[in-house]
Every structure is written in C-alpha cells, then in structure tokens.
C-alpha cells in the first residue's frame, strides 16, 4: 500500500529526528554542560492542535523553571545529574538524556516510560 505524499510528509514532521544512531547518550559532566544555563522547548503530543510548548529553563544553581502557557503558573523545581540520568525534584523523576548528532535536540526517556524531545532555543 502506498501512502499519499502528504501523509508521509506529515508523519515525518510529527515524528522528528528518530533514526537509530543519530542520538548520543549523555552522562556526568557532558550531561551537566548540555543543560546548565540553557533554555529548551518541549512540544507535547497536542502541539500540532494547540501550539502549546513547555519551556524548560535550567539554571546553574540547580533550579529549573518549567512553563506551559495557558495551563497553569510556571513551576520551580530542582534538577541535578546523577550518573547517566537527569533528575527533577518534587516529585522525583529521573530520565536518561541523549543529544541528537546535529546538536539542536535532546531526547529524555523518563523512568516512567515517557519520551520527550526538547529543542534548544537560547542559541548559546
């Protein structure tokens, strides 16, 4: 069965970068450097319909500010690197982080099985 061109293009745009070998695991100091004083945007599953993007601002002092416009007030949490994982506080949630070979995207696989892709927006 052949998919119409529009469907194939739409699927590629929604999926984003996902080919095996294009993601490099980060840990320790490399992971800390990838997050410290950086701003990333996470597009949720509903993004194509709502345009809602969650912004993550990782501060050098170990705090992170997450903001999802229109949903609720921004949240402050603590973050830290624990070996091969980045962990958030209250409630504790850890995830393994990988960087796309182009360097623009991070993929986090949370302990609860969710996978999110975030894009740098601070142009550092």
N, C-alpha and C. Protein backbone atom coordinates (compact mmCIF):
# COMPACT_ATOMS: atom_id res chain seq x y z
N UNK A 1 0.82 -1.16 0.00
CA UNK A 1 0.00 0.00 0.00
C UNK A 1 0.88 1.24 0.00
N UNK A 2 0.60 2.19 -0.87
CA UNK A 2 1.35 3.45 -0.92
C UNK A 2 0.60 4.53 -0.17
N UNK A 3 1.33 5.26 0.64
CA UNK A 3 0.74 6.39 1.35
C UNK A 3 0.78 7.62 0.46
N UNK A 4 -0.25 8.42 0.49
CA UNK A 4 -0.22 9.68 -0.25
C UNK A 4 0.95 10.53 0.25
N UNK A 5 1.54 11.35 -0.63
CA UNK A 5 2.70 12.16 -0.26
C UNK A 5 2.45 13.02 0.96
N UNK A 6 1.31 13.63 1.08
CA UNK A 6 1.01 14.49 2.22
C UNK A 6 1.06 13.76 3.54
N UNK A 7 0.60 12.51 3.57
CA UNK A 7 0.60 11.72 4.79
C UNK A 7 2.03 11.39 5.21
N UNK A 8 2.86 11.02 4.25
CA UNK A 8 4.25 10.68 4.55
C UNK A 8 5.00 11.89 5.07
N UNK A 9 4.80 13.04 4.46
CA UNK A 9 5.48 14.25 4.91
C UNK A 9 5.00 14.64 6.30
N UNK A 10 3.70 14.58 6.55
CA UNK A 10 3.15 14.91 7.87
C UNK A 10 3.71 13.98 8.94
N UNK A 11 3.79 12.69 8.64
CA UNK A 11 4.33 11.73 9.60
C UNK A 11 5.79 12.04 9.91
N UNK A 12 6.56 12.40 8.92
CA UNK A 12 7.97 12.73 9.13
C UNK A 12 8.12 13.98 9.99
N UNK A 13 7.28 14.97 9.78
CA UNK A 13 7.36 16.21 10.55
C UNK A 13 6.96 15.99 12.00
N UNK A 14 5.93 15.18 12.24
CA UNK A 14 5.48 14.93 13.60
C UNK A 14 6.50 14.08 14.35
N UNK A 15 7.06 13.07 13.68
CA UNK A 15 7.99 12.16 14.34
C UNK A 15 9.28 12.85 14.74
N UNK A 16 9.78 13.76 13.92
CA UNK A 16 11.04 14.44 14.22
C UNK A 16 12.20 13.48 14.09
N UNK A 17 13.37 13.86 14.61
CA UNK A 17 14.53 13.00 14.48
C UNK A 17 14.37 11.74 15.32
N UNK A 18 14.50 10.58 14.71
CA UNK A 18 14.30 9.35 15.47
C UNK A 18 15.10 8.16 14.96
N UNK A 19 15.94 8.34 13.98
CA UNK A 19 16.69 7.23 13.41
C UNK A 19 17.75 6.77 14.40
N UNK A 20 17.86 5.46 14.58
CA UNK A 20 18.86 4.90 15.49
C UNK A 20 20.24 5.36 15.05
N UNK A 21 21.11 5.61 16.01
CA UNK A 21 22.46 6.06 15.69
C UNK A 21 22.58 7.56 15.60
N UNK A 22 21.47 8.26 15.53
CA UNK A 22 21.50 9.72 15.47
C UNK A 22 21.47 10.34 16.86
N UNK A 23 21.30 9.52 17.89
CA UNK A 23 21.22 10.01 19.27
C UNK A 23 22.43 9.50 20.04
N UNK A 24 23.09 10.41 20.77
CA UNK A 24 24.27 10.06 21.56
C UNK A 24 23.93 10.23 23.04
N UNK A 25 24.13 9.18 23.85
CA UNK A 25 23.82 9.29 25.28
C UNK A 25 24.74 10.30 25.96
N UNK A 26 24.18 11.02 26.90
CA UNK A 26 24.94 11.98 27.70
C UNK A 26 24.96 11.51 29.15
N UNK A 27 26.04 11.78 29.83
CA UNK A 27 26.13 11.45 31.25
C UNK A 27 27.16 12.35 31.92
N UNK A 28 27.10 12.38 33.22
CA UNK A 28 28.07 13.11 34.01
C UNK A 28 28.23 14.56 33.57
N UNK A 29 29.49 14.98 33.41
CA UNK A 29 29.82 16.37 33.08
C UNK A 29 29.25 16.80 31.72
N UNK A 30 29.23 15.91 30.74
CA UNK A 30 28.67 16.25 29.43
C UNK A 30 27.17 16.53 29.54
N UNK A 31 26.48 15.76 30.37
CA UNK A 31 25.05 15.98 30.59
C UNK A 31 24.82 17.29 31.33
N UNK A 32 25.62 17.55 32.35
CA UNK A 32 25.50 18.80 33.11
C UNK A 32 25.73 19.99 32.19
N UNK A 33 26.75 19.92 31.32
CA UNK A 33 27.05 21.00 30.38
C UNK A 33 25.92 21.21 29.37
N UNK A 34 25.25 20.12 28.98
CA UNK A 34 24.17 20.21 27.99
C UNK A 34 22.95 20.93 28.54
N UNK A 35 22.82 20.98 29.88
CA UNK A 35 21.63 21.57 30.50
C UNK A 35 21.89 22.89 31.22
N UNK A 36 23.05 23.04 31.80
CA UNK A 36 23.33 24.21 32.65
C UNK A 36 23.21 25.51 31.88
N UNK A 37 22.40 26.42 32.43
CA UNK A 37 22.18 27.76 31.87
C UNK A 37 21.64 27.69 30.44
N UNK A 38 20.79 26.71 30.18
CA UNK A 38 20.21 26.53 28.84
C UNK A 38 18.69 26.59 28.92
N UNK A 39 18.09 26.97 27.80
CA UNK A 39 16.64 27.01 27.67
C UNK A 39 16.24 26.09 26.53
N UNK A 40 15.29 25.20 26.82
CA UNK A 40 14.80 24.24 25.83
C UNK A 40 13.29 24.32 25.77
N UNK A 41 12.75 23.91 24.64
CA UNK A 41 11.29 23.87 24.46
C UNK A 41 10.89 22.45 24.13
N UNK A 42 9.87 21.98 24.82
CA UNK A 42 9.30 20.64 24.59
C UNK A 42 7.95 20.80 23.92
N UNK A 43 7.78 20.18 22.79
CA UNK A 43 6.48 20.19 22.13
C UNK A 43 5.74 18.93 22.53
N UNK A 44 4.60 19.11 23.18
CA UNK A 44 3.80 17.98 23.65
C UNK A 44 3.04 17.32 22.53
N UNK A 45 2.37 16.23 22.86
CA UNK A 45 1.60 15.48 21.86
C UNK A 45 0.52 16.33 21.21
N UNK A 46 -0.03 17.28 21.96
CA UNK A 46 -1.11 18.11 21.43
C UNK A 46 -0.59 19.32 20.66
N UNK A 47 0.73 19.47 20.54
CA UNK A 47 1.29 20.68 19.93
C UNK A 47 0.71 21.01 18.55
N UNK A 48 0.55 20.04 17.64
CA UNK A 48 0.01 20.42 16.32
C UNK A 48 -1.38 21.06 16.40
N UNK A 49 -2.16 20.70 17.41
CA UNK A 49 -3.52 21.25 17.55
C UNK A 49 -3.56 22.52 18.39
N UNK A 50 -2.75 22.56 19.46
CA UNK A 50 -2.85 23.67 20.41
C UNK A 50 -1.71 24.68 20.30
N UNK A 51 -0.59 24.25 19.76
CA UNK A 51 0.58 25.12 19.72
C UNK A 51 1.26 25.27 21.07
N UNK A 52 0.81 24.52 22.07
CA UNK A 52 1.38 24.65 23.42
C UNK A 52 2.77 24.02 23.48
N UNK A 53 3.71 24.80 23.96
CA UNK A 53 5.08 24.34 24.13
C UNK A 53 5.48 24.57 25.58
N UNK A 54 6.09 23.57 26.19
CA UNK A 54 6.58 23.71 27.56
C UNK A 54 8.02 24.20 27.47
N UNK A 55 8.31 25.28 28.16
CA UNK A 55 9.67 25.83 28.20
C UNK A 55 10.36 25.36 29.47
N UNK A 56 11.61 24.93 29.31
CA UNK A 56 12.43 24.49 30.43
C UNK A 56 13.64 25.40 30.51
N UNK A 57 13.79 26.11 31.63
CA UNK A 57 14.97 26.95 31.85
C UNK A 57 15.83 26.36 32.95
N UNK A 58 16.95 25.76 32.57
CA UNK A 58 17.85 25.11 33.54
C UNK A 58 18.87 26.12 34.04
N UNK A 59 18.78 26.47 35.31
CA UNK A 59 19.69 27.45 35.89
C UNK A 59 20.93 26.77 36.46
N UNK A 60 22.02 27.53 36.53
CA UNK A 60 23.29 27.00 37.00
C UNK A 60 23.24 26.60 38.47
N UNK A 61 22.34 27.21 39.24
CA UNK A 61 22.27 26.92 40.68
C UNK A 61 21.45 25.67 41.00
N UNK A 62 21.03 24.92 39.97
CA UNK A 62 20.31 23.67 40.22
C UNK A 62 18.80 23.80 40.23
N UNK A 63 18.28 24.97 39.85
CA UNK A 63 16.83 25.13 39.73
C UNK A 63 16.45 25.06 38.26
N UNK A 64 15.20 24.65 38.03
CA UNK A 64 14.65 24.64 36.66
C UNK A 64 13.26 25.26 36.73
N UNK A 65 12.98 26.12 35.77
CA UNK A 65 11.67 26.74 35.66
C UNK A 65 10.97 26.13 34.46
N UNK A 66 9.79 25.54 34.69
CA UNK A 66 9.01 25.00 33.57
C UNK A 66 7.75 25.83 33.41
N UNK A 67 7.43 26.10 32.16
CA UNK A 67 6.28 26.94 31.87
C UNK A 67 5.52 26.38 30.68
N UNK A 68 4.22 26.19 30.87
CA UNK A 68 3.33 25.76 29.80
C UNK A 68 2.24 26.81 29.70
N UNK A 69 2.39 27.78 28.80
CA UNK A 69 1.45 28.90 28.72
C UNK A 69 0.00 28.44 28.61
N UNK A 70 -0.86 29.14 29.35
CA UNK A 70 -2.28 28.87 29.29
C UNK A 70 -2.75 27.70 30.13
N UNK A 71 -1.86 26.97 30.74
CA UNK A 71 -2.25 25.79 31.52
C UNK A 71 -2.23 26.05 33.02
N UNK A 72 -1.15 26.63 33.51
CA UNK A 72 -1.03 26.92 34.94
C UNK A 72 0.18 27.83 35.12
N UNK A 73 0.40 28.25 36.36
CA UNK A 73 1.54 29.12 36.65
C UNK A 73 2.84 28.35 36.44
N UNK A 74 3.92 29.04 36.07
CA UNK A 74 5.23 28.37 35.94
C UNK A 74 5.60 27.66 37.24
N UNK A 75 6.36 26.57 37.10
CA UNK A 75 6.77 25.76 38.25
C UNK A 75 8.28 25.83 38.44
N UNK A 76 8.71 26.00 39.68
CA UNK A 76 10.12 25.89 40.03
C UNK A 76 10.36 24.51 40.63
N UNK A 77 11.41 23.86 40.16
CA UNK A 77 11.82 22.58 40.71
C UNK A 77 13.34 22.59 40.80
N UNK A 78 13.90 21.58 41.41
CA UNK A 78 15.35 21.41 41.44
C UNK A 78 15.74 20.33 40.44
N UNK A 79 16.93 20.45 39.85
CA UNK A 79 17.43 19.43 38.95
C UNK A 79 18.88 19.13 39.31
N UNK A 80 19.28 17.90 39.01
CA UNK A 80 20.67 17.51 39.21
C UNK A 80 20.99 16.32 38.32
N UNK A 81 22.27 16.13 38.09
CA UNK A 81 22.73 14.99 37.31
C UNK A 81 23.16 13.91 38.28
N UNK A 82 22.65 12.70 38.05
CA UNK A 82 23.03 11.53 38.85
C UNK A 82 23.53 10.46 37.89
N UNK A 83 24.84 10.46 37.63
CA UNK A 83 25.44 9.49 36.73
C UNK A 83 24.97 9.66 35.30
N UNK A 84 24.13 8.73 34.85
CA UNK A 84 23.65 8.76 33.46
C UNK A 84 22.27 9.38 33.35
N UNK A 85 21.76 9.96 34.46
CA UNK A 85 20.40 10.48 34.45
C UNK A 85 20.34 11.92 34.93
N UNK A 86 19.33 12.64 34.44
CA UNK A 86 18.98 13.96 34.95
C UNK A 86 17.75 13.74 35.81
N UNK A 87 17.78 14.27 37.03
CA UNK A 87 16.66 14.06 37.95
C UNK A 87 16.05 15.39 38.36
N UNK A 88 14.72 15.39 38.47
CA UNK A 88 13.95 16.53 38.94
C UNK A 88 13.40 16.20 40.32
N UNK A 89 13.16 17.24 41.13
CA UNK A 89 12.60 17.04 42.46
C UNK A 89 11.10 17.29 42.44
N UNK A 90 10.47 16.85 43.50
CA UNK A 90 9.08 17.17 43.87
C UNK A 90 8.06 17.03 42.76
N UNK A 91 7.59 15.90 42.42
CA UNK A 91 8.04 14.56 42.81
C UNK A 91 9.30 14.17 42.05
N UNK A 92 10.06 13.26 42.63
CA UNK A 92 11.32 12.84 42.00
C UNK A 92 11.02 12.10 40.70
N UNK A 93 11.69 12.54 39.65
CA UNK A 93 11.55 11.93 38.33
C UNK A 93 12.90 12.00 37.65
N UNK A 94 13.40 10.87 37.18
CA UNK A 94 14.71 10.83 36.53
C UNK A 94 14.56 10.33 35.10
N UNK A 95 15.49 10.73 34.25
CA UNK A 95 15.46 10.28 32.87
C UNK A 95 16.84 10.27 32.25
N UNK A 96 17.03 9.37 31.32
CA UNK A 96 18.27 9.31 30.56
C UNK A 96 18.17 10.29 29.40
N UNK A 97 19.25 11.03 29.17
CA UNK A 97 19.24 12.09 28.17
C UNK A 97 20.19 11.75 27.04
N UNK A 98 19.72 11.99 25.82
CA UNK A 98 20.54 11.80 24.62
C UNK A 98 20.50 13.08 23.80
N UNK A 99 21.60 13.35 23.10
CA UNK A 99 21.65 14.52 22.23
C UNK A 99 21.67 14.05 20.77
N UNK A 100 20.88 14.73 19.94
CA UNK A 100 20.87 14.44 18.52
C UNK A 100 22.20 14.87 17.92
N UNK A 101 22.70 14.15 16.92
CA UNK A 101 24.02 14.44 16.36
C UNK A 101 24.12 15.86 15.81
N UNK A 102 23.02 16.46 15.40
CA UNK A 102 23.07 17.85 14.92
C UNK A 102 23.22 18.84 16.07
N UNK A 103 22.98 18.38 17.31
CA UNK A 103 23.20 19.21 18.48
C UNK A 103 22.06 20.12 18.87
N UNK A 104 20.95 20.10 18.15
CA UNK A 104 19.84 21.01 18.45
C UNK A 104 18.81 20.42 19.39
N UNK A 105 18.73 19.11 19.47
CA UNK A 105 17.66 18.44 20.21
C UNK A 105 18.23 17.53 21.29
N UNK A 106 17.48 17.44 22.39
CA UNK A 106 17.74 16.45 23.44
C UNK A 106 16.51 15.56 23.54
N UNK A 107 16.75 14.29 23.77
CA UNK A 107 15.66 13.33 23.98
C UNK A 107 15.81 12.77 25.39
N UNK A 108 14.73 12.87 26.16
CA UNK A 108 14.74 12.35 27.52
C UNK A 108 13.78 11.17 27.60
N UNK A 109 14.29 10.04 28.08
CA UNK A 109 13.46 8.87 28.34
C UNK A 109 13.30 8.80 29.84
N UNK A 110 12.11 9.20 30.32
CA UNK A 110 11.84 9.24 31.75
C UNK A 110 11.68 7.84 32.31
N UNK A 111 11.92 7.69 33.60
CA UNK A 111 11.78 6.39 34.27
C UNK A 111 10.39 5.79 34.12
N UNK A 112 9.37 6.65 33.96
CA UNK A 112 8.01 6.12 33.82
C UNK A 112 7.67 5.71 32.38
N UNK A 113 8.66 5.78 31.48
CA UNK A 113 8.48 5.32 30.11
C UNK A 113 8.18 6.41 29.09
N UNK A 114 7.81 7.60 29.55
CA UNK A 114 7.54 8.69 28.61
C UNK A 114 8.83 9.14 27.94
N UNK A 115 8.72 9.53 26.68
CA UNK A 115 9.86 10.05 25.93
C UNK A 115 9.49 11.43 25.43
N UNK A 116 10.36 12.40 25.68
CA UNK A 116 10.12 13.75 25.18
C UNK A 116 11.34 14.23 24.42
N UNK A 117 11.09 15.05 23.43
CA UNK A 117 12.18 15.67 22.68
C UNK A 117 12.10 17.16 22.91
N UNK A 118 13.23 17.73 23.28
CA UNK A 118 13.32 19.16 23.55
C UNK A 118 14.32 19.78 22.57
N UNK A 119 14.08 21.04 22.23
CA UNK A 119 14.96 21.76 21.31
C UNK A 119 15.53 22.99 22.01
N UNK A 120 16.83 23.20 21.82
CA UNK A 120 17.46 24.41 22.36
C UNK A 120 16.87 25.63 21.68
N UNK A 121 16.59 26.67 22.48
CA UNK A 121 16.05 27.91 21.91
C UNK A 121 16.87 29.12 22.35
N UNK A 122 17.98 28.89 23.03
CA UNK A 122 18.75 30.02 23.55
C UNK A 122 19.94 30.41 22.69
N UNK A 123 20.25 29.65 21.68
CA UNK A 123 21.30 29.96 20.71
C UNK A 123 22.66 30.23 21.34
N UNK A 124 22.97 29.51 22.41
CA UNK A 124 24.27 29.67 23.06
C UNK A 124 25.35 29.10 22.19
